[in-house]
């Protein structure tokens, strides 16, 4: 079964502009808006929660970005 046209278009656009995406100025939020959300919409996910479900029933739950200052290495402890 071939991939849906929308997914093929997303792949083509990503491939055409790959250097810009790898430059370091393209961030996670932009990636999500331009590629991931449309990808999952094509698959039938309610990315924007148009159904108005409560948090525990949503198809997608947004998370806060993790800054490099909040990334821990080593063993976690209760002081974090």
PDB file of N, CA and C in Angstrom:
ATOM      1  N   UNK A   1       0.849  -1.175   0.000  1.00  0.00           N
ATOM      2  CA  UNK A   1       0.000   0.000   0.000  1.00  0.00           C
ATOM      3  C   UNK A   1       0.901   1.247   0.000  1.00  0.00           C
ATOM      4  N   UNK A   2       0.703   2.146  -0.951  1.00  0.00           N
ATOM      5  CA  UNK A   2       1.540   3.350  -0.998  1.00  0.00           C
ATOM      6  C   UNK A   2       1.192   4.320   0.139  1.00  0.00           C
ATOM      7  N   UNK A   3       2.173   5.130   0.484  1.00  0.00           N
ATOM      8  CA  UNK A   3       1.965   6.144   1.531  1.00  0.00           C
ATOM      9  C   UNK A   3       0.980   7.198   1.027  1.00  0.00           C
ATOM     10  N   UNK A   4       0.212   7.799   1.932  1.00  0.00           N
ATOM     11  CA  UNK A   4      -0.693   8.879   1.529  1.00  0.00           C
ATOM     12  C   UNK A   4       0.084  10.046   0.900  1.00  0.00           C
ATOM     13  N   UNK A   5      -0.542  10.726  -0.046  1.00  0.00           N
ATOM     14  CA  UNK A   5       0.066  11.847  -0.756  1.00  0.00           C
ATOM     15  C   UNK A   5       0.624  12.887   0.201  1.00  0.00           C
ATOM     16  N   UNK A   6      -0.104  13.202   1.279  1.00  0.00           N
ATOM     17  CA  UNK A   6       0.341  14.226   2.227  1.00  0.00           C
ATOM     18  C   UNK A   6       1.665  13.849   2.884  1.00  0.00           C
ATOM     19  N   UNK A   7       1.848  12.589   3.191  1.00  0.00           N
ATOM     20  CA  UNK A   7       3.098  12.132   3.814  1.00  0.00           C
ATOM     21  C   UNK A   7       4.239  12.201   2.811  1.00  0.00           C
ATOM     22  N   UNK A   8       3.969  11.821   1.576  1.00  0.00           N
ATOM     23  CA  UNK A   8       4.997  11.922   0.527  1.00  0.00           C
ATOM     24  C   UNK A   8       5.419  13.378   0.353  1.00  0.00           C
ATOM     25  N   UNK A   9       4.469  14.310   0.409  1.00  0.00           N
ATOM     26  CA  UNK A   9       4.788  15.735   0.285  1.00  0.00           C
ATOM     27  C   UNK A   9       5.613  16.232   1.480  1.00  0.00           C
ATOM     28  N   UNK A  10       5.293  15.774   2.677  1.00  0.00           N
ATOM     29  CA  UNK A  10       6.079  16.148   3.856  1.00  0.00           C
ATOM     30  C   UNK A  10       7.522  15.662   3.718  1.00  0.00           C
ATOM     31  N   UNK A  11       7.687  14.440   3.271  1.00  0.00           N
ATOM     32  CA  UNK A  11       9.028  13.875   3.093  1.00  0.00           C
ATOM     33  C   UNK A  11       9.803  14.661   2.047  1.00  0.00           C
ATOM     34  N   UNK A  12       9.149  14.980   0.947  1.00  0.00           N
ATOM     35  CA  UNK A  12       9.819  15.726  -0.125  1.00  0.00           C
ATOM     36  C   UNK A  12      10.249  17.104   0.357  1.00  0.00           C
ATOM     37  N   UNK A  13       9.378  17.796   1.068  1.00  0.00           N
ATOM     38  CA  UNK A  13       9.714  19.136   1.584  1.00  0.00           C
ATOM     39  C   UNK A  13      10.864  19.055   2.576  1.00  0.00           C
ATOM     40  N   UNK A  14      10.834  18.070   3.450  1.00  0.00           N
ATOM     41  CA  UNK A  14      11.915  17.894   4.411  1.00  0.00           C
ATOM     42  C   UNK A  14      13.229  17.632   3.694  1.00  0.00           C
ATOM     43  N   UNK A  15      13.194  16.760   2.704  1.00  0.00           N
ATOM     44  CA  UNK A  15      14.401  16.413   1.957  1.00  0.00           C
ATOM     45  C   UNK A  15      14.962  17.627   1.201  1.00  0.00           C
ATOM     46  N   UNK A  16      14.099  18.438   0.620  1.00  0.00           N
ATOM     47  CA  UNK A  16      14.533  19.609  -0.146  1.00  0.00           C
ATOM     48  C   UNK A  16      15.209  20.653   0.731  1.00  0.00           C
ATOM     49  N   UNK A  17      14.813  20.732   1.987  1.00  0.00           N
ATOM     50  CA  UNK A  17      15.317  21.783   2.870  1.00  0.00           C
ATOM     51  C   UNK A  17      16.144  21.221   4.024  1.00  0.00           C
ATOM     52  N   UNK A  18      16.681  20.050   3.841  1.00  0.00           N
ATOM     53  CA  UNK A  18      17.407  19.347   4.898  1.00  0.00           C
ATOM     54  C   UNK A  18      18.538  20.169   5.498  1.00  0.00           C
ATOM     55  N   UNK A  19      19.306  20.860   4.670  1.00  0.00           N
ATOM     56  CA  UNK A  19      20.423  21.668   5.187  1.00  0.00           C
ATOM     57  C   UNK A  19      19.946  22.728   6.169  1.00  0.00           C
ATOM     58  N   UNK A  20      18.826  23.366   5.885  1.00  0.00           N
ATOM     59  CA  UNK A  20      18.286  24.387   6.786  1.00  0.00           C
ATOM     60  C   UNK A  20      17.858  23.761   8.113  1.00  0.00           C
ATOM     61  N   UNK A  21      17.286  22.574   8.057  1.00  0.00           N
ATOM     62  CA  UNK A  21      16.828  21.916   9.275  1.00  0.00           C
ATOM     63  C   UNK A  21      17.987  21.443  10.141  1.00  0.00           C
ATOM     64  N   UNK A  22      19.112  21.140   9.523  1.00  0.00           N
ATOM     65  CA  UNK A  22      20.282  20.673  10.261  1.00  0.00           C
ATOM     66  C   UNK A  22      21.184  21.819  10.718  1.00  0.00           C
ATOM     67  N   UNK A  23      20.839  23.051  10.382  1.00  0.00           N
ATOM     68  CA  UNK A  23      21.705  24.195  10.653  1.00  0.00           C
ATOM     69  C   UNK A  23      21.835  24.540  12.134  1.00  0.00           C
ATOM     70  N   UNK A  24      20.927  24.070  12.942  1.00  0.00           N
ATOM     71  CA  UNK A  24      20.976  24.385  14.366  1.00  0.00           C
ATOM     72  C   UNK A  24      20.000  25.475  14.769  1.00  0.00           C
ATOM     73  N   UNK A  25      19.481  26.227  13.809  1.00  0.00           N
ATOM     74  CA  UNK A  25      18.525  27.278  14.148  1.00  0.00           C
ATOM     75  C   UNK A  25      17.080  26.785  14.070  1.00  0.00           C
ATOM     76  N   UNK A  26      16.876  25.613  13.531  1.00  0.00           N
ATOM     77  CA  UNK A  26      15.544  25.013  13.426  1.00  0.00           C
ATOM     78  C   UNK A  26      15.283  24.252  14.712  1.00  0.00           C
ATOM     79  N   UNK A  27      14.204  24.593  15.415  1.00  0.00           N
ATOM     80  CA  UNK A  27      14.010  23.998  16.735  1.00  0.00           C
ATOM     81  C   UNK A  27      12.890  22.958  16.770  1.00  0.00           C
ATOM     82  N   UNK A  28      12.748  22.341  17.911  1.00  0.00           N
ATOM     83  CA  UNK A  28      11.786  21.257  18.105  1.00  0.00           C
ATOM     84  C   UNK A  28      10.345  21.710  17.866  1.00  0.00           C
ATOM     85  N   UNK A  29      10.013  22.924  18.312  1.00  0.00           N
ATOM     86  CA  UNK A  29       8.649  23.429  18.128  1.00  0.00           C
ATOM     87  C   UNK A  29       8.336  23.599  16.645  1.00  0.00           C
ATOM     88  N   UNK A  30       9.291  24.105  15.881  1.00  0.00           N
ATOM     89  CA  UNK A  30       9.086  24.259  14.443  1.00  0.00           C
ATOM     90  C   UNK A  30       8.912  22.900  13.772  1.00  0.00           C
ATOM     91  N   UNK A  31       9.721  21.946  14.159  1.00  0.00           N
ATOM     92  CA  UNK A  31       9.609  20.594  13.612  1.00  0.00           C
ATOM     93  C   UNK A  31       8.226  20.021  13.867  1.00  0.00           C
ATOM     94  N   UNK A  32       7.753  20.205  15.081  1.00  0.00           N
ATOM     95  CA  UNK A  32       6.441  19.663  15.422  1.00  0.00           C
ATOM     96  C   UNK A  32       5.341  20.309  14.595  1.00  0.00           C
ATOM     97  N   UNK A  33       5.355  21.637  14.491  1.00  0.00           N
ATOM     98  CA  UNK A  33       4.307  22.334  13.746  1.00  0.00           C
ATOM     99  C   UNK A  33       4.333  22.024  12.256  1.00  0.00           C
ATOM    100  N   UNK A  34       5.509  21.959  11.676  1.00  0.00           N
ATOM    101  CA  UNK A  34       5.619  21.792  10.234  1.00  0.00           C
ATOM    102  C   UNK A  34       5.577  20.357   9.743  1.00  0.00           C
ATOM    103  N   UNK A  35       5.991  19.411  10.598  1.00  0.00           N
ATOM    104  CA  UNK A  35       6.088  18.030  10.125  1.00  0.00           C
ATOM    105  C   UNK A  35       5.348  17.011  10.986  1.00  0.00           C
ATOM    106  N   UNK A  36       5.578  17.022  12.279  1.00  0.00           N
ATOM    107  CA  UNK A  36       4.999  15.963  13.113  1.00  0.00           C
ATOM    108  C   UNK A  36       3.484  16.066  13.245  1.00  0.00           C
ATOM    109  N   UNK A  37       2.977  17.263  13.552  1.00  0.00           N
ATOM    110  CA  UNK A  37       1.522  17.404  13.666  1.00  0.00           C
ATOM    111  C   UNK A  37       0.811  17.021  12.369  1.00  0.00           C
ATOM    112  N   UNK A  38       1.263  17.551  11.208  1.00  0.00           N
ATOM    113  CA  UNK A  38       0.606  17.135   9.959  1.00  0.00           C
ATOM    114  C   UNK A  38       0.714  15.624   9.694  1.00  0.00           C
ATOM    115  N   UNK A  39       1.861  15.039  10.036  1.00  0.00           N
ATOM    116  CA  UNK A  39       2.048  13.596   9.852  1.00  0.00           C
ATOM    117  C   UNK A  39       1.013  12.812  10.651  1.00  0.00           C
ATOM    118  N   UNK A  40       0.874  13.144  11.931  1.00  0.00           N
ATOM    119  CA  UNK A  40      -0.066  12.404  12.771  1.00  0.00           C
ATOM    120  C   UNK A  40      -1.521  12.697  12.405  1.00  0.00           C
ATOM    121  N   UNK A  41      -1.810  13.890  11.907  1.00  0.00           N
ATOM    122  CA  UNK A  41      -3.173  14.187  11.429  1.00  0.00           C
ATOM    123  C   UNK A  41      -3.545  13.277  10.267  1.00  0.00           C
ATOM    124  N   UNK A  42      -2.601  13.067   9.347  1.00  0.00           N
ATOM    125  CA  UNK A  42      -2.847  12.167   8.214  1.00  0.00           C
ATOM    126  C   UNK A  42      -3.160  10.761   8.719  1.00  0.00           C
ATOM    127  N   UNK A  43      -2.530  10.362   9.816  1.00  0.00           N
ATOM    128  CA  UNK A  43      -2.772   9.039  10.391  1.00  0.00           C
ATOM    129  C   UNK A  43      -4.057   8.967  11.207  1.00  0.00           C
ATOM    130  N   UNK A  44      -4.740  10.120  11.344  1.00  0.00           N
ATOM    131  CA  UNK A  44      -6.031  10.124  12.021  1.00  0.00           C
ATOM    132  C   UNK A  44      -6.009  10.557  13.473  1.00  0.00           C
ATOM    133  N   UNK A  45      -4.883  11.039  13.953  1.00  0.00           N
ATOM    134  CA  UNK A  45      -4.801  11.492  15.334  1.00  0.00           C
ATOM    135  C   UNK A  45      -5.453  12.858  15.483  1.00  0.00           C
ATOM    136  N   UNK A  46      -6.092  13.091  16.605  1.00  0.00           N
ATOM    137  CA  UNK A  46      -6.676  14.398  16.937  1.00  0.00           C
ATOM    138  C   UNK A  46      -5.605  15.230  17.635  1.00  0.00           C
ATOM    139  N   UNK A  47      -4.671  15.757  16.852  1.00  0.00           N
ATOM    140  CA  UNK A  47      -3.508  16.456  17.381  1.00  0.00           C
ATOM    141  C   UNK A  47      -3.899  17.710  18.157  1.00  0.00           C
ATOM    142  N   UNK A  48      -4.913  18.429  17.700  1.00  0.00           N
ATOM    143  CA  UNK A  48      -5.330  19.691  18.334  1.00  0.00           C
ATOM    144  C   UNK A  48      -6.427  19.484  19.372  1.00  0.00           C
ATOM    145  N   UNK A  49      -6.788  18.254  19.659  1.00  0.00           N
ATOM    146  CA  UNK A  49      -7.848  17.907  20.602  1.00  0.00           C
ATOM    147  C   UNK A  49      -9.164  18.614  20.249  1.00  0.00           C
ATOM    148  N   UNK A  50      -9.543  18.525  18.985  1.00  0.00           N
ATOM    149  CA  UNK A  50     -10.796  19.128  18.517  1.00  0.00           C
ATOM    150  C   UNK A  50     -12.013  18.502  19.179  1.00  0.00           C
ATOM    151  N   UNK A  51     -11.864  17.291  19.668  1.00  0.00           N
ATOM    152  CA  UNK A  51     -12.961  16.610  20.351  1.00  0.00           C
ATOM    153  C   UNK A  51     -13.157  17.128  21.779  1.00  0.00           C
ATOM    154  N   UNK A  52     -12.159  17.844  22.295  1.00  0.00           N
ATOM    155  CA  UNK A  52     -12.276  18.427  23.629  1.00  0.00           C
ATOM    156  C   UNK A  52     -12.143  17.442  24.765  1.00  0.00           C
ATOM    157  N   UNK A  53     -11.363  16.395  24.561  1.00  0.00           N
ATOM    158  CA  UNK A  53     -11.193  15.387  25.599  1.00  0.00           C
ATOM    159  C   UNK A  53     -10.401  15.933  26.793  1.00  0.00           C
ATOM    160  N   UNK A  54     -10.649  15.351  27.946  1.00  0.00           N
ATOM    161  CA  UNK A  54      -9.869  15.663  29.141  1.00  0.00           C
ATOM    162  C   UNK A  54      -8.429  15.196  28.922  1.00  0.00           C
ATOM    163  N   UNK A  55      -7.510  15.754  29.678  1.00  0.00           N
ATOM    164  CA  UNK A  55      -6.073  15.504  29.498  1.00  0.00           C
ATOM    165  C   UNK A  55      -5.745  14.017  29.370  1.00  0.00           C
ATOM    166  N   UNK A  56      -6.306  13.177  30.212  1.00  0.00           N
ATOM    167  CA  UNK A  56      -5.942  11.759  30.209  1.00  0.00           C
ATOM    168  C   UNK A  56      -6.473  10.997  28.989  1.00  0.00           C
ATOM    169  N   UNK A  57      -7.371  11.612  28.200  1.00  0.00           N
ATOM    170  CA  UNK A  57      -7.937  10.931  27.042  1.00  0.00           C
ATOM    171  C   UNK A  57      -7.486  11.514  25.707  1.00  0.00           C
ATOM    172  N   UNK A  58      -6.658  12.533  25.714  1.00  0.00           N
ATOM    173  CA  UNK A  58      -6.190  13.161  24.481  1.00  0.00           C
ATOM    174  C   UNK A  58      -5.304  12.206  23.687  1.00  0.00           C
ATOM    175  N   UNK A  59      -5.344  12.356  22.354  1.00  0.00           N
ATOM    176  CA  UNK A  59      -4.435  11.590  21.495  1.00  0.00           C
ATOM    177  C   UNK A  59      -3.007  12.086  21.652  1.00  0.00           C
ATOM    178  N   UNK A  60      -2.841  13.402  21.844  1.00  0.00           N
ATOM    179  CA  UNK A  60      -1.521  14.016  21.945  1.00  0.00           C
ATOM    180  C   UNK A  60      -1.504  14.951  23.136  1.00  0.00           C
ATOM    181  N   UNK A  61      -0.474  14.861  23.955  1.00  0.00           N
ATOM    182  CA  UNK A  61      -0.308  15.755  25.100  1.00  0.00           C
ATOM    183  C   UNK A  61       0.987  16.522  24.905  1.00  0.00           C
ATOM    184  N   UNK A  62       0.894  17.848  24.879  1.00  0.00           N
ATOM    185  CA  UNK A  62       2.083  18.678  24.709  1.00  0.00           C
ATOM    186  C   UNK A  62       2.892  18.696  25.992  1.00  0.00           C
ATOM    187  N   UNK A  63       4.195  18.683  25.825  1.00  0.00           N
ATOM    188  CA  UNK A  63       5.100  18.755  26.966  1.00  0.00           C
ATOM    189  C   UNK A  63       5.919  20.024  26.877  1.00  0.00           C
ATOM    190  N   UNK A  64       6.352  20.528  28.016  1.00  0.00           N
ATOM    191  CA  UNK A  64       7.241  21.676  28.025  1.00  0.00           C
ATOM    192  C   UNK A  64       8.580  21.280  27.433  1.00  0.00           C
ATOM    193  N   UNK A  65       9.210  22.236  26.774  1.00  0.00           N
ATOM    194  CA  UNK A  65      10.553  21.986  26.251  1.00  0.00           C
ATOM    195  C   UNK A  65      11.518  21.841  27.420  1.00  0.00           C
ATOM    196  N   UNK A  66      12.517  21.035  27.237  1.00  0.00           N
ATOM    197  CA  UNK A  66      13.537  20.849  28.267  1.00  0.00           C
ATOM    198  C   UNK A  66      14.744  21.681  27.882  1.00  0.00           C
ATOM    199  N   UNK A  67      15.092  22.624  28.726  1.00  0.00           N
ATOM    200  CA  UNK A  67      16.276  23.423  28.428  1.00  0.00           C
ATOM    201  C   UNK A  67      17.518  22.632  28.819  1.00  0.00           C
ATOM    202  N   UNK A  68      18.644  22.996  28.240  1.00  0.00           N
ATOM    203  CA  UNK A  68      19.875  22.276  28.546  1.00  0.00           C
ATOM    204  C   UNK A  68      20.235  22.390  30.020  1.00  0.00           C
ATOM    205  N   UNK A  69      19.759  23.442  30.686  1.00  0.00           N
ATOM    206  CA  UNK A  69      20.036  23.603  32.110  1.00  0.00           C
ATOM    207  C   UNK A  69      19.286  22.560  32.945  1.00  0.00           C
ATOM    208  N   UNK A  70      18.221  21.983  32.393  1.00  0.00           N
ATOM    209  CA  UNK A  70      17.426  21.007  33.126  1.00  0.00           C
ATOM    210  C   UNK A  70      17.794  19.576  32.789  1.00  0.00           C
ATOM    211  N   UNK A  71      18.744  19.363  31.909  1.00  0.00           N
ATOM    212  CA  UNK A  71      19.154  18.010  31.542  1.00  0.00           C
ATOM    213  C   UNK A  71      20.187  17.522  32.552  1.00  0.00           C
ATOM    214  N   UNK A  72      19.915  16.393  33.159  1.00  0.00           N
ATOM    215  CA  UNK A  72      20.792  15.856  34.180  1.00  0.00           C
ATOM    216  C   UNK A  72      21.504  14.634  33.643  1.00  0.00           C
ATOM    217  N   UNK A  73      22.713  14.434  34.074  1.00  0.00           N
ATOM    218  CA  UNK A  73      23.426  13.227  33.721  1.00  0.00           C
ATOM    219  C   UNK A  73      23.707  12.476  35.016  1.00  0.00           C
ATOM    220  N   UNK A  74      23.963  11.229  34.881  1.00  0.00           N
ATOM    221  CA  UNK A  74      24.256  10.439  36.065  1.00  0.00           C
ATOM    222  C   UNK A  74      22.999   9.959  36.735  1.00  0.00           C
ATOM    223  N   UNK A  75      23.112   9.691  37.970  1.00  0.00           N
ATOM    224  CA  UNK A  75      22.033   9.106  38.749  1.00  0.00           C
ATOM    225  C   UNK A  75      21.087  10.179  39.276  1.00  0.00           C
ATOM    226  N   UNK A  76      19.777  10.036  39.064  1.00  0.00           N
ATOM    227  CA  UNK A  76      18.831  11.027  39.596  1.00  0.00           C
ATOM    228  C   UNK A  76      18.751  10.940  41.115  1.00  0.00           C
ATOM    229  N   UNK A  77      18.426  12.062  41.727  1.00  0.00           N
ATOM    230  CA  UNK A  77      18.224  12.064  43.182  1.00  0.00           C
ATOM    231  C   UNK A  77      17.033  12.936  43.546  1.00  0.00           C
ATOM    232  N   UNK A  78      16.619  12.933  44.769  1.00  0.00           N
ATOM    233  CA  UNK A  78      15.410  13.645  45.189  1.00  0.00           C
ATOM    234  C   UNK A  78      15.609  15.148  45.244  1.00  0.00           C
ATOM    235  N   UNK A  79      16.827  15.656  45.133  1.00  0.00           N
ATOM    236  CA  UNK A  79      17.071  17.102  45.189  1.00  0.00           C
ATOM    237  C   UNK A  79      16.799  17.779  43.854  1.00  0.00           C
ATOM    238  N   UNK A  80      16.617  17.033  42.770  1.00  0.00           N
ATOM    239  CA  UNK A  80      16.444  17.618  41.431  1.00  0.00           C
ATOM    240  C   UNK A  80      15.117  18.304  41.287  1.00  0.00           C
TER     241      UNK A  80
END
